[in-house]
Protein backbone atom coordinates (compact mmCIF):
# COMPACT_ATOMS: atom_id res chain seq x y z
CA MET A 1 283.94 84.95 126.50
CA THR A 2 286.00 81.66 125.31
CA LYS A 3 288.32 81.90 122.37
CA GLN A 4 288.04 78.65 120.22
CA THR A 5 289.50 76.13 118.02
CA GLY A 6 287.73 74.43 115.38
CA LEU A 7 288.27 70.92 116.76
CA GLY A 8 285.40 68.22 117.26
CA ASP A 9 283.18 69.96 114.76
CA ARG A 10 280.54 68.68 112.80
CA PHE A 11 278.61 68.73 109.06
CA PHE A 12 275.83 67.33 107.82
CA LEU A 13 273.64 67.78 104.08
CA ASP A 14 270.67 66.57 103.50
CA GLY A 15 270.34 63.84 106.40
CA PHE A 16 274.16 62.76 105.93
CA ASN A 17 276.67 63.13 108.12
CA ILE A 18 279.84 63.91 106.22
CA SER A 19 282.22 65.33 109.24
CA GLY A 20 284.50 62.76 108.49
CA ASP A 21 285.34 63.79 105.02
CA VAL A 22 284.90 67.67 105.28
CA GLY A 23 288.45 68.66 105.97
CA ALA A 24 287.65 72.71 106.30
CA ILE A 25 285.34 75.16 106.25
CA GLN A 26 286.29 77.97 103.97
CA SER A 27 283.53 80.54 104.86
CA VAL A 28 280.12 80.79 106.68
CA LEU A 29 279.01 84.09 105.21
CA MET A 30 276.55 86.87 105.39
CA SER A 31 276.65 89.82 103.32
CA SER A 32 274.52 92.60 101.77
CA GLU A 33 274.78 94.73 99.08
CA MET A 34 275.25 98.85 100.21
CA ILE A 35 273.14 100.56 98.14
CA ASP A 36 275.03 104.45 97.74
CA VAL A 37 272.65 107.28 98.64
CA THR A 38 275.23 109.67 99.48
CA GLY A 39 274.04 113.67 99.66
CA THR A 40 275.89 116.47 98.05
CA ASP A 41 276.46 118.19 101.90
CA LYS A 42 278.05 115.27 102.74
CA SER A 43 281.90 114.42 103.14
CA ALA A 44 281.91 110.71 103.43
CA ARG A 45 279.52 107.96 102.21
CA GLU A 46 275.82 107.87 103.13
CA ARG A 47 274.48 103.47 102.37
CA LEU A 48 271.61 101.81 102.89
CA VAL A 49 271.26 98.16 103.35
CA GLY A 50 270.22 96.46 100.32
CA LEU A 51 269.45 92.77 99.44
CA GLY A 52 271.25 90.23 101.54
CA ASP A 53 273.17 86.83 100.61
CA SER A 54 274.92 84.17 102.47
CA GLU A 55 276.76 80.97 101.80
CA MET A 56 278.74 78.00 102.94
CA THR A 57 281.82 77.06 101.24
CA PHE A 58 283.64 73.53 102.13
CA ASN A 59 286.48 71.55 101.29
CA ALA A 60 286.07 67.66 101.31
CA TRP A 61 288.17 65.10 100.80
CA TYR A 62 287.14 62.82 97.77
CA ASN A 63 285.72 59.84 99.07
CA THR A 64 283.38 57.61 96.50
CA ALA A 65 281.62 54.85 99.30
CA LEU A 66 278.22 55.21 99.54
CA ASN A 67 276.63 58.51 100.74
CA ALA A 68 279.81 59.55 101.49
CA SER A 69 281.25 63.00 99.63
CA HIS A 70 281.80 62.74 96.30
CA ASP A 71 278.04 60.44 96.00
CA GLN A 72 276.21 63.29 97.83
CA LEU A 73 277.98 66.35 96.22
CA LYS A 74 278.67 65.04 92.68
CA THR A 75 275.18 66.23 91.57
CA LYS A 76 274.21 69.55 91.92
CA ALA A 77 270.85 69.86 93.78
CA ASP A 78 268.67 72.78 94.38
CA ASN A 79 267.17 72.13 97.70
CA ARG A 80 270.37 71.28 99.87
CA HIS A 81 269.77 71.23 103.98
CA ALA A 82 273.25 72.72 105.43
CA ILE A 83 274.15 72.24 109.43
CA TYR A 84 277.60 73.21 110.44
CA MET A 85 277.39 72.67 114.33
CA ARG A 86 280.53 74.31 116.09
CA GLY A 87 281.11 70.68 118.08
CA SER A 88 279.49 68.35 119.29
CA THR A 89 277.01 68.88 122.13
CA ALA A 90 273.50 70.62 122.99
CA GLY A 91 273.97 74.14 122.71
CA VAL A 92 276.97 74.91 120.53
CA PRO A 93 276.78 77.30 117.87
CA VAL A 94 274.90 76.41 114.66
CA ALA A 95 275.11 77.66 111.30
CA ALA A 96 272.21 76.42 109.47
CA MET A 97 270.65 77.30 106.00
CA VAL A 98 268.20 75.47 103.04
CA ALA A 99 270.46 76.28 99.92
CA SER A 100 270.99 75.97 95.93
CA GLN A 101 274.70 74.21 95.32
CA ALA A 102 276.28 76.47 93.30
CA ASN A 103 279.52 74.20 92.53
CA TYR A 104 281.30 71.07 92.33
CA ASN A 105 284.73 71.23 91.88
CA VAL A 106 287.52 68.15 92.56
CA THR A 107 291.11 68.85 91.81
CA ARG A 108 294.57 66.44 91.84
CA GLY A 109 297.57 67.42 93.77
CA ASP A 110 300.43 67.10 92.33
CA ASN A 111 301.34 64.73 94.94
CA GLY A 112 298.42 62.50 94.60
CA ALA A 113 295.93 63.89 96.83
CA MET A 114 292.15 64.25 95.57
CA ALA A 115 290.22 66.53 97.11
CA ILE A 116 286.82 68.49 96.73
CA SER A 117 285.38 71.96 96.92
CA ALA A 118 281.84 73.22 97.03
CA GLN A 119 279.72 76.21 97.94
CA VAL A 120 275.99 75.87 98.65
CA MET A 121 274.09 79.67 98.56
CA ASN A 122 270.80 80.77 99.99
CA LYS A 123 267.51 80.53 97.80
CA SER A 124 263.83 81.37 98.33
CA GLY A 125 265.14 84.74 99.72
CA ASP A 126 265.92 83.15 103.36
CA LEU A 127 269.21 84.12 104.67
CA LEU A 128 271.49 81.80 106.30
CA ASP A 129 270.48 81.10 110.17
CA TRP A 130 272.60 81.04 113.23
CA GLY A 131 271.48 79.46 115.72
CA GLN A 132 272.01 76.64 118.75
CA ALA A 133 272.12 72.93 118.42
CA LEU A 134 269.44 71.29 120.74
CA THR A 135 270.84 67.85 119.95
CA ASP A 136 274.26 66.20 120.64
CA GLY A 137 275.63 65.95 117.24
CA PRO A 138 274.41 63.59 115.72
CA GLU A 139 271.92 62.10 118.64
CA THR A 140 270.49 58.75 118.45
CA SER A 141 267.41 57.79 120.21
CA THR A 142 266.20 54.18 121.01
CA ALA A 143 262.66 54.94 122.44
CA PRO A 144 260.72 58.23 123.21
CA GLU A 145 262.17 60.39 125.30
CA GLU A 146 262.99 64.00 126.09
CA LEU A 147 266.06 65.49 125.23
CA ALA A 148 268.42 67.77 127.71
CA VAL A 149 267.04 71.37 128.21
CA VAL A 150 268.65 73.78 126.16
CA HIS A 151 269.04 77.66 127.80
CA ASP A 152 269.55 80.87 125.12
CA ASP A 153 269.76 83.48 128.62
CA GLN A 154 269.88 86.38 126.14
CA PHE A 155 265.96 85.98 125.89
CA ALA A 156 263.33 86.79 128.78
CA ALA A 157 260.99 84.56 130.12
CA GLY A 158 258.05 84.99 127.71
CA SER A 159 259.30 87.04 125.28
CA SER A 160 257.36 87.40 122.09
CA GLY A 161 259.59 86.59 118.87
CA GLN A 162 260.43 83.61 115.91
CA LEU A 163 261.64 80.87 116.27
CA ILE A 164 263.12 78.69 113.24
CA ALA A 165 263.75 75.34 113.65
CA TYR A 166 266.29 72.62 111.47
CA LEU A 167 265.61 68.77 111.19
CA GLN A 168 267.60 66.21 109.64
CA VAL A 169 267.43 62.90 110.35
CA LEU A 170 270.28 60.63 109.24
CA ALA A 171 268.72 56.94 110.19
CA LEU A 172 265.82 55.19 111.24
CA THR A 173 264.83 51.78 112.14
CA GLY A 174 261.15 51.74 112.40
CA ASP A 175 257.67 52.66 111.16
CA ASP A 176 257.85 56.69 112.51
CA VAL A 177 259.18 58.75 114.55
CA ILE A 178 257.74 62.56 115.90
CA PHE A 179 259.99 65.46 116.86
CA ARG A 180 257.97 67.80 118.94
CA LEU A 181 259.66 71.41 120.13
CA ARG A 182 258.86 72.37 124.36
CA HIS A 183 259.47 75.27 126.19
CA SER A 184 259.37 76.51 129.98
CA ASP A 185 260.31 79.65 131.59
CA TYR A 186 262.54 77.71 133.93
CA VAL A 187 265.01 74.78 133.58
CA THR A 188 262.82 72.01 134.85
CA ASP A 189 259.26 71.53 135.00
CA THR A 190 259.62 70.11 138.83
CA LEU A 191 261.61 72.42 141.34
CA PRO A 192 263.99 70.15 144.00
CA ALA A 193 262.55 70.51 147.02
CA ASP A 194 262.49 73.94 149.14
CA ASP A 195 264.88 72.95 152.39
CA ASP A 196 267.37 75.30 153.80
CA LEU A 197 265.83 78.32 151.71
CA LEU A 198 265.00 81.86 152.86
CA VAL A 199 262.82 82.37 155.65
CA VAL A 200 262.21 85.73 157.48
CA VAL A 201 259.67 86.10 160.34
CA THR A 202 258.62 89.72 161.44
CA ASN A 203 256.12 91.77 163.53
CA LEU A 204 253.39 93.16 161.39
CA LEU A 205 254.39 96.64 162.31
CA THR A 206 254.61 99.98 159.87
CA ASN A 207 257.86 100.40 158.23
CA ASN A 208 259.65 97.22 159.29
CA VAL A 209 262.89 96.78 157.06
CA PHE A 210 264.93 93.58 156.75
CA THR A 211 267.64 93.44 155.13
CA LEU A 212 268.67 89.77 153.13
CA ALA A 213 271.20 89.98 150.58
CA GLY A 214 272.17 87.27 148.75
CA GLN A 215 270.47 84.02 146.38
CA ILE A 216 267.24 82.10 147.13
CA ALA A 217 268.73 78.43 145.62
CA GLY A 218 268.77 77.57 141.87
CA ASP A 219 265.86 78.67 139.92
CA ALA A 220 264.07 81.69 140.45
CA ARG A 221 261.20 81.11 142.59
CA ILE A 222 257.87 82.37 143.79
CA LEU A 223 258.20 83.82 147.50
CA THR A 224 255.26 82.92 149.81
CA VAL A 225 254.34 85.36 152.52
CA THR A 226 251.94 83.99 155.34
CA VAL A 227 250.14 86.25 157.73
CA VAL A 228 249.37 84.95 161.43
CA ASP A 229 247.02 87.43 163.00
CA SER A 230 244.73 85.34 165.06
CA THR A 231 242.96 88.57 166.35
CA PRO A 232 242.01 90.87 163.28
CA SER A 233 243.51 93.81 163.37
CA ILE A 234 245.06 94.56 160.40
CA THR A 235 243.36 97.45 158.82
CA ALA A 236 245.69 97.65 155.52
CA GLY A 237 248.74 96.66 154.47
CA THR A 238 251.36 96.27 152.01
CA VAL A 239 254.43 94.10 151.61
CA ARG A 240 257.18 95.04 149.48
CA ILE A 241 259.66 92.56 148.23
CA THR A 242 262.75 93.59 146.04
CA GLY A 243 265.04 91.54 144.03
CA THR A 244 266.00 90.48 141.60
CA ASP A 245 264.68 87.86 138.56
CA ALA A 246 266.53 85.14 137.11
CA TYR A 247 268.56 87.65 134.69
CA GLY A 248 269.64 89.56 137.63
CA ALA A 249 267.34 92.39 136.66
CA ALA A 250 265.93 94.33 139.25
CA LEU A 251 262.50 93.08 140.55
CA ILE A 252 260.20 94.91 143.30
CA GLU A 253 256.86 93.43 143.83
CA ASN A 254 254.10 94.53 146.39
CA ILE A 255 251.80 92.26 148.17
CA ASN A 256 248.49 93.32 149.62
CA ILE A 257 247.99 91.43 152.74
CA ALA A 258 245.03 93.32 153.89
CA ALA A 259 242.76 90.69 154.11
CA GLY A 260 244.48 89.61 157.09
CA ALA A 261 245.51 85.81 158.06
CA GLY A 262 246.49 83.85 155.13
CA ALA A 263 249.16 82.50 152.54
CA TYR A 264 250.02 84.97 149.82
CA GLU A 265 251.87 84.33 146.76
CA THR A 266 254.06 86.80 144.48
CA THR A 267 253.37 86.82 140.93
CA ASP A 268 256.73 87.78 139.85
CA ARG A 269 259.92 84.60 140.49
CA PHE A 270 262.62 86.26 142.35
CA LYS A 271 266.38 85.06 142.14
CA THR A 272 267.56 87.12 144.92
CA VAL A 273 266.20 89.00 148.06
CA THR A 274 267.96 92.16 149.05
CA GLU A 275 264.73 93.14 151.33
CA VAL A 276 261.11 93.20 153.01
CA ARG A 277 259.24 95.72 153.95
CA THR A 278 256.01 96.27 155.29
CA LEU A 279 254.37 99.26 154.34
CA ASN A 280 250.72 101.55 155.11
CA ASP A 281 248.47 100.62 158.13
CA VAL A 282 249.35 97.10 158.82
CA VAL A 283 248.15 96.87 162.46
CA THR A 284 245.76 98.59 164.27
CA LEU A 285 247.68 99.73 167.24
CA GLY A 286 246.52 98.14 170.54
CA GLY A 287 246.24 94.54 168.51
CA GLY A 288 246.62 91.27 170.00
CA GLY A 289 250.29 91.46 169.30
CA ASN A 290 250.28 88.34 167.95
CA GLU A 291 250.44 89.53 163.93
CA THR A 292 253.60 88.31 162.23
CA ILE A 293 254.60 87.30 158.38
CA LYS A 294 256.70 84.79 157.38
CA VAL A 295 258.29 85.40 153.93
CA GLY A 296 259.71 81.95 152.32
CA VAL A 297 260.07 80.59 148.79
CA LYS A 298 257.52 77.83 146.74
CA ALA A 299 258.87 75.11 144.51
CA VAL A 300 255.85 75.47 141.91
CA SER A 301 256.03 73.81 138.18
CA GLY A 302 257.02 76.36 135.99
CA ALA A 303 255.29 76.91 132.86
CA PHE A 304 256.10 74.79 130.28
CA GLY A 305 254.37 72.77 127.50
CA ASP A 306 255.09 71.99 123.69
CA ILE A 307 255.69 75.04 121.22
CA THR A 308 253.33 76.29 118.90
CA GLY A 309 253.55 75.21 115.74
CA GLY A 310 257.41 73.25 116.90
CA GLN A 311 255.98 69.54 115.63
CA PHE A 312 257.93 68.69 112.82
CA THR A 313 256.39 66.78 110.21
CA THR A 314 256.31 63.09 110.92
CA VAL A 315 259.44 60.96 109.76
CA THR A 316 258.89 57.70 107.73
CA ALA A 317 262.28 57.28 106.63
CA ALA A 318 265.31 58.73 106.71
CA PRO A 319 267.56 60.68 104.93
CA ALA A 320 264.98 63.36 106.02
CA LYS A 321 264.97 66.85 106.60
CA GLU A 322 262.53 70.43 107.15
CA ARG A 323 262.82 73.85 108.67
CA ILE A 324 259.91 75.76 109.99
CA GLU A 325 258.92 78.76 111.07
CA ILE A 326 257.51 79.31 114.49
CA ASP A 327 255.67 82.29 115.75
CA GLY A 328 256.19 83.16 119.49
CA PRO A 329 256.02 83.81 122.38
CA ILE A 330 258.96 81.44 123.23
CA LYS A 331 260.33 80.59 126.47
CA PRO A 332 264.06 80.52 127.27
CA TYR A 333 264.51 77.41 127.79
CA VAL A 334 263.84 74.85 124.71
CA TRP A 335 263.82 71.00 124.23
CA VAL A 336 263.39 68.08 121.73
CA GLU A 337 260.43 65.36 122.33
CA VAL A 338 261.11 62.06 120.70
CA ASP A 339 257.50 59.92 120.20
CA ASP A 340 256.10 57.93 117.78
CA ASP A 341 252.64 56.61 116.76
CA MET A 342 253.61 53.28 115.26
CA GLY A 343 257.13 52.87 116.93
CA PHE A 344 261.03 53.13 116.14
CA SER A 345 263.55 51.00 117.70
CA THR A 346 266.19 53.56 116.49
CA VAL A 347 266.36 56.87 115.60
CA THR A 348 269.51 59.62 114.31
CA TYR A 349 269.12 62.89 113.91
CA VAL A 350 270.29 66.30 114.84
CA ILE A 351 268.01 69.47 115.38
CA ALA A 352 268.89 73.39 115.02
CA ILE A 353 266.92 76.09 116.13
CA LYS A 354 267.30 80.11 115.55
CA ARG A 355 265.84 82.75 117.81
CA PHE A 356 264.43 85.97 117.63
CA GLY A 357 262.96 88.41 120.08
CA PRO A 358 263.18 90.93 122.42
CA ARG A 359 267.11 90.65 124.41
CA VAL A 360 267.70 90.73 128.05
CA ALA A 361 269.00 93.86 128.95
CA GLY A 362 272.66 94.05 129.02
CA GLN A 363 272.87 90.64 126.12
């Protein structure tokens, strides 16, 4: 855990970057009414959580330029999209909400300074969302592309749950732009080659144990078990592999090798391997003596693709804004694909997501 300053933050409102005018974020607040249900038999209060509320309150410098602070805030609006980015790179924490603007106050100090204070509060029954930025804020694309992957290691691979996404498009030159959200169980869809990775060769004898301890390399990998058995002698057999998954959780998998010679693969992906053990009646006594297995790793494509429901409405002009809710399952690695139908030459935008779902143990 790292303590941080608030330097280099960003603030976006309805498709406009007013970060240079906003001088202070006074509050990014979520609260709930507490309902007192204390019984006469209690010596302290009993409470239930009631309706929630959220808001962003901020101060800005009085700037009358087109699309600057005064121009954007002077007319109170009932459908504000606000994004506060705690930093300016993909992956940083983000607070985002669809809100009603509650006030717009202009003050002149006795030193002549002109300042603004404004507040936006949640509407339509949805609270403020704390999540992650998927873009360097703001991001600019000059052609269709896929942005860098953003990982949230609090959520397990294939975890069920919901994802809420916010888009603001600040500028667009061209006819249209399409933003899709994609996801994967692993950081890339093509893993690097298997050079210098785990290889164990052992005779196929019952209860042979090999202790390995250590990382495989990089991302979690499928393990391969290759059986050499030129004179068929395997009557039954299981190879048990123990280790951890990509998140450090204990992982055990038994591979049935009773079919004899050939290649077998684990179903799960291992990040570390601590032990390889042969179980059961692996070989027939008096066999040819050349029965062996080799345990290695295989670089395979991760399960990746578009998130169902994760495409924003095609944008044909800026500014633009949208909030979408997406049902799961959502995989841990998420990124943005920028595409088009008619073409664009440049687009500037910011995208943030909030995830809901089962968390990895200990997170």
